[in-house]
């Protein structure tokens, strides 16, 4: 076995992630320290002016002027350096967010496509969008704000200790009370409530995305009440979790706000100052610096309190980002082997999904041979394992037992780039990029010229529709190009035809097409069938008329195989399936005639 292990390398921690930007953070801190210290100059200038003006005798005009100029200069320095620190911090934030999104995009591009298919669009959108954005306060604001919040009080504390150390300790009482309350915000119960809050928010995002994407189907089939009910349930869960979180934090937060509030701090300073002054231990003029600088001593705890939610949200967001970055990539072979030909073989394949369906095998003992130049059709009732089977060929999943071989080589020994050059696929659920129609068709062959793109579009019967768009092949999907489900499928088929891979997988690729379009596509595929191995899932049994082999699946096992004529002659499971299908089609046709 030459494949690499399935475990992904451990994702970088926050410290390791930010290490390349250490120089930038150092600049932010230095600029903020200079600005914070300079910001004390106006306050100290006021203190010195108070002492000068309260001193007996006439004031020295020159000294007063120098003190005022020093305070103004300090204020100017503070404005310049804090603005520079904020600018550098926001620049770092954009670089870190860009790096995170690039890492997430790279990881999502390497994980098995089956893993992506099992995730809700809202969940991944939240990680790449909201969770990365949640890091913004920690990068752009927290370093500068915390530095300022701690430097200013420390310098102030040092100055106040030189004035009167006893009153300094009294001034610190509100800070100590607030610090004593901080652990109550980080108890296991509070952390659990915050985790439930995040989960409820994720469910709201997912339900909104699903509702918007399916709004047409919901309205057409009168399911708006049920769809709205799903959203209302998610909102109700969010409201309850938010209430529990706020209820648990409100008492602690209120206590911290009271302890750090200016009236409470001033009360402590005035009571302590009055005691010291009446006792003869402090001159009345020396109370002034405590009144001005004492309020700044509460800044660190206040900053932690105000930034606590942002810090906690960022921590949880980074955790979800790490979960995605930790998702194992599709294992790549250490020494890739090139297939010889495009003969496909499934040997004793078994497969079961992970997670909620773990332990239940969707495919059991599948043995199947697909010769070059042949079309193999897979039919069966819903839940029989058809889609799972065809998704093994482009390696959306690896079998849990057995092997899938291409040209005599296990797919796990074929490099992913080589595999996707040899296997192309068209599925019922088509997703087109927000790019031009030409770029969507040429997705697998970006160097293809316009003539090749047009030829592929003609063969897929989508060329005439593209010409009706405002800018033809240059029209952008989602902007000036709106395509129906059947038209999007034909664009996807044109993409597969242009790729011209020797193995083609079709999962209800013409499910939304009208009979004329379906016939045209079948004829286009038939023109090159001799050089291609084709595996197709069909619910419309008419589409398997050209198949060389029909495989009937039931409960994850092949119960019959052969040509359509042979299977009908056996009068077995396929024949019964055919009768049910044709009866449903005839009933639908009769109803249509009566309606007309």
Protein backbone atom coordinates (compact mmCIF):
# COMPACT_ATOMS: atom_id res chain seq x y z
CA UNK A 1 0.00 0.00 0.00
CA UNK A 2 1.58 3.29 -1.06
CA UNK A 3 -1.10 5.73 0.04
CA UNK A 4 -0.40 8.18 2.75
CA UNK A 5 -2.30 7.92 6.02
CA UNK A 6 -5.73 9.49 6.28
CA UNK A 7 -4.87 11.64 9.30
CA UNK A 8 -4.29 15.26 8.54
CA UNK A 9 -1.34 17.05 10.11
CA UNK A 10 -2.39 18.82 13.28
CA UNK A 11 -3.76 22.27 12.45
CA UNK A 12 -1.76 25.25 13.62
CA UNK A 13 -2.63 26.71 16.99
CA UNK A 14 -3.38 30.38 17.40
CA UNK A 15 0.19 31.20 18.51
CA UNK A 16 1.70 29.28 15.60
CA UNK A 17 -0.77 30.83 13.21
CA UNK A 18 0.18 34.35 14.30
CA UNK A 19 3.93 33.69 14.49
CA UNK A 20 4.63 35.06 10.97
CA UNK A 21 3.07 38.34 12.08
CA UNK A 22 5.04 38.69 15.32
CA UNK A 23 6.94 41.70 13.98
CA UNK A 24 3.72 43.50 13.14
CA UNK A 25 2.27 42.81 16.58
CA UNK A 26 5.47 44.14 18.17
CA UNK A 27 5.02 47.37 16.21
CA UNK A 28 1.40 47.61 17.40
CA UNK A 29 2.45 47.13 21.03
CA UNK A 30 5.33 49.65 20.89
CA UNK A 31 3.19 52.30 19.23
CA UNK A 32 0.38 51.70 21.72
CA UNK A 33 2.75 51.88 24.72
CA UNK A 34 4.16 55.22 23.55
CA UNK A 35 0.68 56.58 22.90
CA UNK A 36 -0.66 55.30 26.22
CA UNK A 37 2.17 56.77 28.28
CA UNK A 38 1.92 60.07 26.38
CA UNK A 39 -1.79 60.11 27.15
CA UNK A 40 -0.99 60.50 30.84
CA UNK A 41 0.65 63.88 30.18
CA UNK A 42 -2.63 65.87 30.07
CA UNK A 43 -3.78 64.30 33.38
CA UNK A 44 -0.45 64.92 35.06
CA UNK A 45 -0.50 68.45 33.67
CA UNK A 46 -3.88 69.02 35.35
CA UNK A 47 -2.47 67.64 38.61
CA UNK A 48 0.54 69.94 38.42
CA UNK A 49 -1.64 72.94 37.54
CA UNK A 50 -3.84 72.20 40.52
CA UNK A 51 -0.89 72.05 42.86
CA UNK A 52 0.54 75.28 41.37
CA UNK A 53 -2.71 77.19 41.58
CA UNK A 54 -3.54 75.92 45.08
CA UNK A 55 -0.08 76.73 46.42
CA UNK A 56 0.18 79.93 48.52
CA UNK A 57 1.46 82.99 46.71
CA UNK A 58 1.23 84.08 43.04
CA UNK A 59 1.48 81.40 40.33
CA UNK A 60 4.51 81.29 38.04
CA UNK A 61 3.13 82.15 34.57
CA UNK A 62 6.07 80.52 32.79
CA UNK A 63 5.65 77.30 34.71
CA UNK A 64 1.91 77.25 34.00
CA UNK A 65 2.59 77.78 30.29
CA UNK A 66 5.15 74.97 30.19
CA UNK A 67 2.77 72.60 31.96
CA UNK A 68 -0.05 73.38 29.51
CA UNK A 69 2.25 72.92 26.51
CA UNK A 70 3.53 69.62 27.90
CA UNK A 71 -0.04 68.37 28.35
CA UNK A 72 -1.00 69.43 24.81
CA UNK A 73 2.11 67.78 23.35
CA UNK A 74 1.33 64.57 25.20
CA UNK A 75 -2.21 64.61 23.85
CA UNK A 76 -0.93 65.08 20.28
CA UNK A 77 1.58 62.26 20.64
CA UNK A 78 -1.16 60.00 21.99
CA UNK A 79 -3.46 60.71 19.04
CA UNK A 80 -0.71 60.11 16.46
CA UNK A 81 0.69 56.91 17.97
CA UNK A 82 -2.63 55.29 18.87
CA UNK A 83 -3.92 56.02 15.35
CA UNK A 84 -0.79 54.44 13.88
CA UNK A 85 -1.17 51.42 16.21
CA UNK A 86 -4.80 50.97 15.18
CA UNK A 87 -3.91 51.20 11.50
CA UNK A 88 -1.18 48.57 11.75
CA UNK A 89 -3.50 46.35 13.81
CA UNK A 90 -6.25 46.47 11.17
CA UNK A 91 -3.71 45.76 8.43
CA UNK A 92 -2.56 42.70 10.37
CA UNK A 93 -6.18 41.64 10.78
CA UNK A 94 -6.78 41.64 7.03
CA UNK A 95 -3.63 39.59 6.46
CA UNK A 96 -4.54 37.04 9.14
CA UNK A 97 -8.11 36.69 7.85
CA UNK A 98 -6.80 36.25 4.30
CA UNK A 99 -4.40 33.56 5.52
CA UNK A 100 -7.17 31.75 7.42
CA UNK A 101 -9.54 31.77 4.46
CA UNK A 102 -6.79 30.54 2.14
CA UNK A 103 -5.99 27.69 4.52
CA UNK A 104 -9.68 26.78 4.80
CA UNK A 105 -10.11 26.91 1.02
CA UNK A 106 -7.03 24.74 0.54
CA UNK A 107 -8.25 22.21 3.12
CA UNK A 108 -11.79 22.11 1.69
CA UNK A 109 -10.22 21.55 -1.72
CA UNK A 110 -8.40 18.46 -0.42
CA UNK A 111 -11.04 16.78 1.74
CA UNK A 112 -13.13 14.02 0.16
CA UNK A 113 -16.07 15.44 -1.75
CA UNK A 114 -18.31 13.02 0.14
CA UNK A 115 -17.41 14.80 3.38
CA UNK A 116 -18.52 18.11 1.86
CA UNK A 117 -21.76 16.55 0.64
CA UNK A 118 -22.67 15.52 4.20
CA UNK A 119 -22.24 19.06 5.56
CA UNK A 120 -24.88 21.77 5.50
CA UNK A 121 -24.00 24.77 3.38
CA UNK A 122 -24.78 27.06 6.30
CA UNK A 123 -22.26 25.33 8.58
CA UNK A 124 -19.32 25.71 6.20
CA UNK A 125 -20.40 29.23 5.22
CA UNK A 126 -20.38 30.17 8.91
CA UNK A 127 -16.87 28.81 9.40
CA UNK A 128 -15.37 30.51 6.34
CA UNK A 129 -17.35 33.73 6.82
CA UNK A 130 -18.54 34.49 10.34
CA UNK A 131 -15.97 32.48 12.29
CA UNK A 132 -13.01 34.00 10.45
CA UNK A 133 -14.52 37.46 10.92
CA UNK A 134 -14.94 36.73 14.65
CA UNK A 135 -11.15 36.79 14.95
CA UNK A 136 -11.17 40.50 14.02
CA UNK A 137 -11.43 41.95 17.57
CA UNK A 138 -8.60 39.75 18.85
CA UNK A 139 -6.27 40.83 16.05
CA UNK A 140 -7.25 44.42 15.33
CA UNK A 141 -8.31 45.71 18.75
CA UNK A 142 -7.38 43.47 21.67
CA UNK A 143 -3.55 43.80 21.56
CA UNK A 144 -3.58 47.59 21.50
CA UNK A 145 -6.46 47.94 23.92
CA UNK A 146 -5.00 45.50 26.46
CA UNK A 147 -1.57 47.13 26.26
CA UNK A 148 -3.12 50.54 26.81
CA UNK A 149 -5.37 49.22 29.56
CA UNK A 150 -2.42 47.78 31.51
CA UNK A 151 0.35 50.29 30.77
CA UNK A 152 -1.64 53.35 31.81
CA UNK A 153 -2.74 51.91 35.20
CA UNK A 154 0.74 50.57 35.95
CA UNK A 155 2.39 53.95 35.29
CA UNK A 156 -0.40 55.68 37.21
CA UNK A 157 -0.03 53.22 40.07
CA UNK A 158 3.69 53.88 40.27
CA UNK A 159 3.08 57.61 40.38
CA UNK A 160 0.34 57.34 43.02
CA UNK A 161 2.53 55.15 45.24
CA UNK A 162 5.07 58.00 45.34
CA UNK A 163 2.31 60.34 46.55
CA UNK A 164 0.70 58.13 49.23
CA UNK A 165 0.88 54.34 49.23
CA UNK A 166 -1.95 53.91 51.77
CA UNK A 167 -4.49 55.82 49.69
CA UNK A 168 -3.24 53.94 46.62
CA UNK A 169 -4.21 50.63 48.23
CA UNK A 170 -7.63 52.05 49.13
CA UNK A 171 -8.06 53.16 45.49
CA UNK A 172 -7.39 49.58 44.36
CA UNK A 173 -10.34 48.13 46.35
CA UNK A 174 -12.85 48.41 43.40
CA UNK A 175 -10.36 46.67 41.12
CA UNK A 176 -9.89 43.78 43.54
CA UNK A 177 -13.66 43.35 43.93
CA UNK A 178 -14.12 43.18 40.14
CA UNK A 179 -11.22 40.75 39.68
CA UNK A 180 -12.78 38.46 42.29
CA UNK A 181 -15.88 38.19 40.08
CA UNK A 182 -14.04 37.26 36.85
CA UNK A 183 -13.75 33.48 37.60
CA UNK A 184 -17.54 33.32 37.93
CA UNK A 185 -17.79 34.14 34.21
CA UNK A 186 -15.73 31.08 33.25
CA UNK A 187 -17.36 28.28 35.21
CA UNK A 188 -18.16 25.02 33.36
CA UNK A 189 -21.85 25.95 33.36
CA UNK A 190 -21.13 29.33 31.71
CA UNK A 191 -18.87 27.73 29.09
CA UNK A 192 -21.51 25.08 28.34
CA UNK A 193 -24.16 27.78 27.88
CA UNK A 194 -21.90 29.66 25.47
CA UNK A 195 -21.28 26.48 23.48
CA UNK A 196 -25.03 25.84 23.25
CA UNK A 197 -25.51 29.44 22.14
CA UNK A 198 -23.01 28.98 19.28
CA UNK A 199 -24.66 25.72 18.22
CA UNK A 200 -28.09 27.39 18.16
CA UNK A 201 -26.69 30.25 16.07
CA UNK A 202 -25.25 27.72 13.61
CA UNK A 203 -28.65 26.01 13.29
CA UNK A 204 -30.28 29.35 12.48
CA UNK A 205 -27.70 30.02 9.74
CA UNK A 206 -28.20 26.56 8.26
CA UNK A 207 -32.00 26.78 8.34
CA UNK A 208 -31.96 30.20 6.66
CA UNK A 209 -29.66 28.97 3.86
CA UNK A 210 -31.77 25.83 3.31
CA UNK A 211 -35.03 27.78 3.35
CA UNK A 212 -33.79 30.38 0.84
CA UNK A 213 -32.32 27.75 -1.48
CA UNK A 214 -35.52 25.70 -1.42
CA UNK A 215 -38.04 28.55 -1.40
CA UNK A 216 -39.34 27.74 -4.88
CA UNK A 217 -40.04 24.10 -3.99
CA UNK A 218 -41.53 25.08 -0.64
CA UNK A 219 -43.97 27.53 -2.21
CA UNK A 220 -44.85 25.20 -5.10
CA UNK A 221 -45.81 22.33 -2.82
CA UNK A 222 -47.42 24.37 -0.09
CA UNK A 223 -44.83 23.54 2.55
CA UNK A 224 -44.21 27.08 3.71
CA UNK A 225 -45.71 26.43 7.14
CA UNK A 226 -43.44 23.44 7.69
CA UNK A 227 -40.40 25.31 6.38
CA UNK A 228 -41.22 28.31 8.53
CA UNK A 229 -41.75 25.92 11.42
CA UNK A 230 -38.19 24.62 11.05
CA UNK A 231 -36.88 28.17 11.14
CA UNK A 232 -39.10 29.07 14.09
CA UNK A 233 -37.82 26.02 15.96
CA UNK A 234 -34.23 27.12 15.34
CA UNK A 235 -35.09 30.65 16.50
CA UNK A 236 -36.79 29.28 19.60
CA UNK A 237 -33.73 27.17 20.46
CA UNK A 238 -31.52 30.22 19.97
CA UNK A 239 -33.74 32.40 22.16
CA UNK A 240 -33.75 29.87 24.98
CA UNK A 241 -29.98 29.35 24.84
CA UNK A 242 -29.42 33.12 24.71
CA UNK A 243 -31.70 33.61 27.71
CA UNK A 244 -29.85 30.95 29.71
CA UNK A 245 -26.48 32.51 28.87
CA UNK A 246 -27.59 36.06 29.71
CA UNK A 247 -29.31 34.92 32.91
CA UNK A 248 -26.14 33.21 34.06
CA UNK A 249 -23.88 36.17 33.28
CA UNK A 250 -26.13 39.11 34.13
CA UNK A 251 -25.56 39.06 37.90
CA UNK A 252 -21.79 38.79 37.58
CA UNK A 253 -21.64 41.45 34.86
CA UNK A 254 -23.79 43.82 36.92
CA UNK A 255 -21.54 43.36 39.94
CA UNK A 256 -18.44 44.08 37.88
CA UNK A 257 -20.01 47.18 36.35
CA UNK A 258 -20.93 48.57 39.77
CA UNK A 259 -17.46 47.88 41.18
CA UNK A 260 -15.74 49.56 38.23
CA UNK A 261 -18.18 52.43 37.81
CA UNK A 262 -16.78 55.97 38.28
CA UNK A 263 -19.16 56.79 41.19
CA UNK A 264 -18.02 53.74 43.18
CA UNK A 265 -14.34 54.44 42.48
CA UNK A 266 -14.72 58.12 43.39
CA UNK A 267 -16.56 57.14 46.55
CA UNK A 268 -13.69 54.87 47.60
CA UNK A 269 -11.11 57.60 46.82
CA UNK A 270 -13.05 60.34 48.64
CA UNK A 271 -13.70 58.23 51.74
CA UNK A 272 -10.07 57.11 51.90
CA UNK A 273 -8.81 60.60 51.08
CA UNK A 274 -10.97 62.24 53.74
CA UNK A 275 -9.65 59.75 56.29
CA UNK A 276 -6.02 60.48 55.31
CA UNK A 277 -6.48 64.27 55.17
CA UNK A 278 -8.28 64.55 58.52
CA UNK A 279 -5.61 62.34 60.04
CA UNK A 280 -2.92 64.68 58.80
CA UNK A 281 -1.28 62.08 56.57
CA UNK A 282 -2.14 63.74 53.24
CA UNK A 283 -2.17 67.31 51.98
CA UNK A 284 -5.51 68.34 50.43
CA UNK A 285 -3.82 69.14 47.08
CA UNK A 286 -2.44 65.59 46.91
CA UNK A 287 -5.99 64.18 46.71
CA UNK A 288 -6.27 65.58 43.18
CA UNK A 289 -4.06 62.95 41.40
CA UNK A 290 -6.07 60.14 43.01
CA UNK A 291 -9.33 61.65 41.76
CA UNK A 292 -7.95 62.00 38.22
CA UNK A 293 -5.79 58.87 37.89
CA UNK A 294 -7.73 56.57 40.19
CA UNK A 295 -10.42 56.05 37.58
CA UNK A 296 -7.79 54.73 35.18
CA UNK A 297 -6.80 51.93 37.54
CA UNK A 298 -10.04 50.10 36.73
CA UNK A 299 -9.28 50.06 32.98
CA UNK A 300 -7.63 46.58 32.80
CA UNK A 301 -10.56 44.78 34.42
CA UNK A 302 -13.05 46.90 32.48
CA UNK A 303 -11.22 46.04 29.25
CA UNK A 304 -11.29 42.33 30.12
CA UNK A 305 -14.98 42.57 30.97
CA UNK A 306 -15.98 44.40 27.80
CA UNK A 307 -13.76 42.20 25.62
CA UNK A 308 -14.66 38.95 27.37
CA UNK A 309 -17.49 38.06 24.98
CA UNK A 310 -15.35 38.88 21.95
CA UNK A 311 -12.45 36.84 23.30
CA UNK A 312 -14.70 33.87 24.08
CA UNK A 313 -16.42 34.09 20.69
CA UNK A 314 -13.03 34.25 18.96
CA UNK A 315 -11.80 31.24 20.94
CA UNK A 316 -14.81 29.18 19.94
CA UNK A 317 -14.56 30.37 16.33
CA UNK A 318 -10.89 29.36 16.18
CA UNK A 319 -11.90 25.97 17.55
CA UNK A 320 -14.36 25.43 14.70
CA UNK A 321 -11.78 26.64 12.18
CA UNK A 322 -9.28 24.17 13.63
CA UNK A 323 -11.86 21.37 13.29
CA UNK A 324 -12.14 22.03 9.56
CA UNK A 325 -8.37 22.37 9.16
CA UNK A 326 -7.96 19.08 11.04
CA UNK A 327 -10.28 17.20 8.68
CA UNK A 328 -8.23 14.48 6.92
CA UNK A 329 -7.43 15.13 3.29
CA UNK A 330 -8.16 12.59 0.61
CA UNK A 331 -5.19 10.23 0.99
CA UNK A 332 -2.68 10.67 -1.82
CA UNK A 333 -0.35 7.85 -2.88
CA UNK A 334 3.32 8.24 -2.03
CA UNK A 335 4.28 6.72 -5.38
CA UNK A 336 1.37 7.27 -7.79
CA UNK A 337 0.72 4.60 -10.39
CA UNK A 338 -0.65 5.48 -13.84
CA UNK A 339 -3.57 3.27 -14.97
CA UNK A 340 -3.13 1.31 -18.18
CA UNK A 341 -6.34 1.83 -20.13
CA UNK A 342 -9.75 2.68 -18.73
CA UNK A 343 -11.22 -0.64 -17.76
CA UNK A 344 -13.12 -0.26 -14.46
CA UNK A 345 -13.56 -3.08 -11.98
CA UNK A 346 -15.17 -3.25 -8.55
CA UNK A 347 -13.99 -6.21 -6.47
CA UNK A 348 -16.02 -7.28 -3.44
CA UNK A 349 -16.78 -3.64 -2.61
CA UNK A 350 -18.42 -2.87 0.70
CA UNK A 351 -19.14 0.58 2.00
CA UNK A 352 -20.76 2.21 5.03
CA UNK A 353 -20.99 5.86 5.97
CA UNK A 354 -19.45 7.26 9.13
CA UNK A 355 -21.36 9.13 11.79
CA UNK A 356 -25.04 8.54 12.37
CA UNK A 357 -25.19 5.69 9.83
CA UNK A 358 -22.03 3.99 11.09
CA UNK A 359 -22.33 0.23 11.21
CA UNK A 360 -24.85 -0.02 8.37
CA UNK A 361 -23.38 -1.12 5.05
CA UNK A 362 -24.87 0.71 2.08
CA UNK A 363 -23.04 -1.53 -0.41
CA UNK A 364 -22.39 -5.21 0.22
CA UNK A 365 -20.15 -7.42 -1.89
CA UNK A 366 -20.33 -5.50 -5.18
CA UNK A 367 -18.48 -7.19 -8.06
CA UNK A 368 -18.78 -5.30 -11.32
CA UNK A 369 -16.78 -5.02 -14.53
CA UNK A 370 -17.06 -2.04 -16.91
CA UNK A 371 -15.28 -2.62 -20.20
CA UNK A 372 -14.04 0.27 -22.39
CA UNK A 373 -16.54 1.29 -25.03
CA UNK A 374 -19.53 0.07 -23.03
CA UNK A 375 -22.37 1.71 -21.14
CA UNK A 376 -23.38 0.20 -17.82
CA UNK A 377 -26.66 1.37 -16.31
CA UNK A 378 -27.50 1.05 -12.62
CA UNK A 379 -31.16 0.92 -11.63
CA UNK A 380 -33.02 0.19 -8.45
CA UNK A 381 -35.43 1.64 -5.91
CA UNK A 382 -34.56 4.64 -3.78
CA UNK A 383 -32.09 3.79 -1.05
CA UNK A 384 -30.65 0.81 -2.90
CA UNK A 385 -27.15 2.35 -3.03
CA UNK A 386 -27.02 3.56 -6.65
CA UNK A 387 -25.61 7.03 -5.97
CA UNK A 388 -23.15 5.67 -3.44
CA UNK A 389 -21.92 3.15 -6.00
CA UNK A 390 -21.22 5.70 -8.74
CA UNK A 391 -19.58 8.08 -6.26
CA UNK A 392 -16.85 5.51 -5.67
CA UNK A 393 -15.53 5.93 -9.22
CA UNK A 394 -14.53 9.60 -8.92
CA UNK A 395 -13.36 8.67 -5.41
CA UNK A 396 -15.78 10.80 -3.46
CA UNK A 397 -15.44 7.96 -0.96
CA UNK A 398 -13.10 5.01 -0.57
CA UNK A 399 -14.66 1.59 -0.05
CA UNK A 400 -14.47 0.26 3.50
CA UNK A 401 -13.67 -3.17 2.03
CA UNK A 402 -12.59 -4.35 -1.38
CA UNK A 403 -11.23 -2.13 -4.13
CA UNK A 404 -12.16 -0.07 -7.18
CA UNK A 405 -9.67 -0.44 -10.02
CA UNK A 406 -9.07 1.73 -13.07
CA UNK A 407 -6.82 0.26 -15.73
CA UNK A 408 -5.80 -2.46 -13.29
CA UNK A 409 -4.76 0.05 -10.59
CA UNK A 410 -6.55 0.62 -7.29
CA UNK A 411 -7.92 4.17 -7.28
CA UNK A 412 -6.11 4.75 -3.98
CA UNK A 413 -2.85 4.30 -5.88
CA UNK A 414 -3.78 6.89 -8.53
CA UNK A 415 -2.96 10.55 -7.91
CA UNK A 416 -6.03 12.76 -7.66
CA UNK A 417 -5.00 14.97 -10.61
CA UNK A 418 -4.45 11.92 -12.78
CA UNK A 419 -7.75 10.44 -11.60
CA UNK A 420 -9.79 13.52 -12.51
CA UNK A 421 -8.14 13.65 -15.92
CA UNK A 422 -9.45 10.15 -16.53
CA UNK A 423 -12.84 10.31 -14.76
CA UNK A 424 -15.45 13.01 -15.29
CA UNK A 425 -18.87 13.09 -13.73
CA UNK A 426 -22.25 14.76 -14.09
CA UNK A 427 -24.70 14.57 -11.21
CA UNK A 428 -28.33 15.50 -10.80
CA UNK A 429 -27.56 18.22 -8.26
CA UNK A 430 -25.55 20.62 -10.42
CA UNK A 431 -23.64 23.53 -8.90
CA UNK A 432 -22.29 26.14 -11.31
CA UNK A 433 -19.64 28.68 -10.39
CA UNK A 434 -20.32 32.41 -10.33
CA UNK A 435 -18.34 32.80 -13.55
CA UNK A 436 -19.05 33.08 -17.24
CA UNK A 437 -20.85 30.29 -19.03
CA UNK A 438 -17.70 29.67 -21.09
CA UNK A 439 -15.58 29.37 -17.93
CA UNK A 440 -18.09 26.97 -16.40
CA UNK A 441 -17.96 24.73 -19.47
CA UNK A 442 -14.15 24.93 -19.64
CA UNK A 443 -13.69 24.33 -15.92
CA UNK A 444 -11.79 21.07 -16.43
CA UNK A 445 -9.96 22.35 -19.53
CA UNK A 446 -9.17 26.02 -18.76
CA UNK A 447 -6.92 26.34 -21.82
CA UNK A 448 -9.74 25.33 -24.22
CA UNK A 449 -10.47 27.86 -26.95
CA UNK A 450 -13.92 29.28 -27.61
CA UNK A 451 -14.53 27.00 -30.63
CA UNK A 452 -14.04 23.90 -28.47
CA UNK A 453 -16.39 25.32 -25.82
CA UNK A 454 -19.06 26.03 -28.45
CA UNK A 455 -18.75 22.53 -29.93
CA UNK A 456 -19.25 20.97 -26.50
CA UNK A 457 -22.26 23.23 -25.88
CA UNK A 458 -23.80 22.25 -29.22
CA UNK A 459 -23.41 18.55 -28.43
CA UNK A 460 -25.05 19.12 -25.03
CA UNK A 461 -27.94 21.04 -26.70
CA UNK A 462 -27.29 24.22 -24.70
CA UNK A 463 -25.69 26.40 -27.40
CA UNK A 464 -28.91 28.06 -28.60
CA UNK A 465 -29.93 28.90 -25.03
CA UNK A 466 -26.52 30.44 -24.31
CA UNK A 467 -26.85 32.71 -27.35
CA UNK A 468 -30.10 34.05 -25.89
CA UNK A 469 -28.26 35.32 -22.80
CA UNK A 470 -27.34 39.03 -22.66
CA UNK A 471 -23.65 38.45 -23.35
CA UNK A 472 -23.77 34.95 -24.73
CA UNK A 473 -20.92 32.79 -23.49
CA UNK A 474 -19.53 35.74 -21.51
CA UNK A 475 -22.70 35.99 -19.39
CA UNK A 476 -21.98 35.34 -15.71
CA UNK A 477 -24.01 32.73 -13.87
CA UNK A 478 -25.98 34.42 -11.09
CA UNK A 479 -25.56 37.93 -12.53
CA UNK A 480 -26.87 38.23 -16.08
CA UNK A 481 -27.37 34.50 -16.65
CA UNK A 482 -30.25 32.61 -15.02
CA UNK A 483 -30.46 28.95 -15.99
CA UNK A 484 -33.09 26.38 -15.16
CA UNK A 485 -32.20 23.04 -13.58
CA UNK A 486 -32.24 21.29 -16.95
CA UNK A 487 -30.11 24.01 -18.56
CA UNK A 488 -27.59 23.85 -15.71
CA UNK A 489 -27.40 20.09 -16.22
CA UNK A 490 -26.67 20.60 -19.90
CA UNK A 491 -23.88 23.03 -19.06
CA UNK A 492 -22.47 20.34 -16.77
CA UNK A 493 -22.77 17.77 -19.56
CA UNK A 494 -20.99 20.14 -21.96
CA UNK A 495 -18.23 20.44 -19.37
CA UNK A 496 -17.87 16.65 -19.24
CA UNK A 497 -17.90 16.37 -23.04
CA UNK A 498 -15.19 19.02 -23.35
CA UNK A 499 -13.07 17.27 -20.72
CA UNK A 500 -13.34 14.12 -22.87
CA UNK A 501 -12.26 11.86 -20.01
CA UNK A 502 -12.13 8.14 -20.85
CA UNK A 503 -14.46 7.31 -17.92
CA UNK A 504 -17.79 9.12 -17.60
CA UNK A 505 -20.13 8.87 -14.62
CA UNK A 506 -23.72 10.12 -15.01
CA UNK A 507 -26.09 10.26 -12.04
CA UNK A 508 -29.48 11.22 -13.47
CA UNK A 509 -27.63 13.74 -15.64
CA UNK A 510 -30.76 14.52 -17.71
CA UNK A 511 -33.32 14.35 -14.90
CA UNK A 512 -34.57 17.88 -15.59
CA UNK A 513 -34.32 17.75 -19.37
CA UNK A 514 -37.26 17.47 -21.74
CA UNK A 515 -37.46 14.29 -23.93
CA UNK A 516 -36.07 16.05 -27.03
CA UNK A 517 -33.07 17.42 -25.14
CA UNK A 518 -32.48 14.08 -23.44
CA UNK A 519 -32.48 12.34 -26.81
CA UNK A 520 -30.01 14.87 -28.21
CA UNK A 521 -27.67 14.40 -25.26
CA UNK A 522 -27.90 10.62 -25.55
CA UNK A 523 -26.97 10.86 -29.22
CA UNK A 524 -24.03 13.12 -28.39
CA UNK A 525 -22.75 10.65 -25.83
CA UNK A 526 -23.28 7.75 -28.20
CA UNK A 527 -21.03 9.37 -30.83
CA UNK A 528 -17.97 8.78 -28.68
CA UNK A 529 -19.04 5.74 -26.70
CA UNK A 530 -16.49 3.47 -28.38
CA UNK A 531 -13.60 5.31 -26.68
CA UNK A 532 -15.25 5.77 -23.29
CA UNK A 533 -16.31 3.69 -20.29
CA UNK A 534 -19.68 4.96 -19.10
CA UNK A 535 -21.55 4.30 -15.87
CA UNK A 536 -25.01 5.81 -15.62
CA UNK A 537 -27.82 5.90 -13.05
CA UNK A 538 -31.26 6.20 -14.55
CA UNK A 539 -34.70 6.52 -13.04
CA UNK A 540 -36.16 6.95 -16.49
CA UNK A 541 -35.75 3.47 -17.81
CA UNK A 542 -35.87 4.81 -21.37
CA UNK A 543 -32.38 6.19 -20.84
CA UNK A 544 -30.93 2.70 -20.40
CA UNK A 545 -32.09 1.52 -23.80
CA UNK A 546 -28.57 2.00 -25.17
CA UNK A 547 -26.87 0.28 -22.23
CA UNK A 548 -24.76 -2.79 -22.85
CA UNK A 549 -25.31 -3.99 -19.28
CA UNK A 550 -28.03 -3.18 -16.79
CA UNK A 551 -27.31 -3.76 -13.11
CA UNK A 552 -30.23 -4.03 -10.70
CA UNK A 553 -29.45 -2.98 -7.12
CA UNK A 554 -31.56 -3.71 -4.07
CA UNK A 555 -30.52 -3.10 -0.45
CA UNK A 556 -26.91 -2.52 -1.49
CA UNK A 557 -26.52 -5.76 -3.45
CA UNK A 558 -26.59 -6.65 -7.13
CA UNK A 559 -29.61 -8.88 -7.58
CA UNK A 560 -29.63 -9.03 -11.39
CA UNK A 561 -27.48 -8.04 -14.33
CA UNK A 562 -27.72 -8.35 -18.10
CA UNK A 563 -29.19 -6.56 -21.09
CA UNK A 564 -32.63 -5.00 -20.85
CA UNK A 565 -34.11 -7.77 -22.99
CA UNK A 566 -32.49 -10.52 -20.92
CA UNK A 567 -33.67 -9.07 -17.64
CA UNK A 568 -37.22 -8.61 -18.89
CA UNK A 569 -37.25 -12.20 -20.12
CA UNK A 570 -36.24 -13.47 -16.67
CA UNK A 571 -39.35 -11.86 -15.18
CA UNK A 572 -37.47 -11.16 -11.96
CA UNK A 573 -36.76 -8.06 -9.86
CA UNK A 574 -35.91 -5.87 -12.85
CA UNK A 575 -39.04 -6.89 -14.73
CA UNK A 576 -41.16 -6.03 -11.71
CA UNK A 577 -39.35 -2.70 -11.38
CA UNK A 578 -39.98 -2.01 -15.07
CA UNK A 579 -43.71 -2.80 -14.74
CA UNK A 580 -44.08 -0.45 -11.78
CA UNK A 581 -42.28 2.30 -13.66
CA UNK A 582 -44.19 1.94 -16.91
CA UNK A 583 -47.46 1.79 -14.99
CA UNK A 584 -46.62 5.05 -13.22
CA UNK A 585 -45.66 6.70 -16.53
CA UNK A 586 -48.88 5.56 -18.23
CA UNK A 587 -50.97 6.75 -15.29
CA UNK A 588 -49.25 10.14 -15.47
CA UNK A 589 -49.86 10.34 -19.20
CA UNK A 590 -53.57 9.53 -18.77
CA UNK A 591 -53.94 12.15 -16.08
CA UNK A 592 -52.28 14.64 -18.38
CA UNK A 593 -54.72 13.81 -21.18
CA UNK A 594 -57.71 14.21 -18.84
CA UNK A 595 -56.40 17.54 -17.63
CA UNK A 596 -56.14 18.76 -21.19
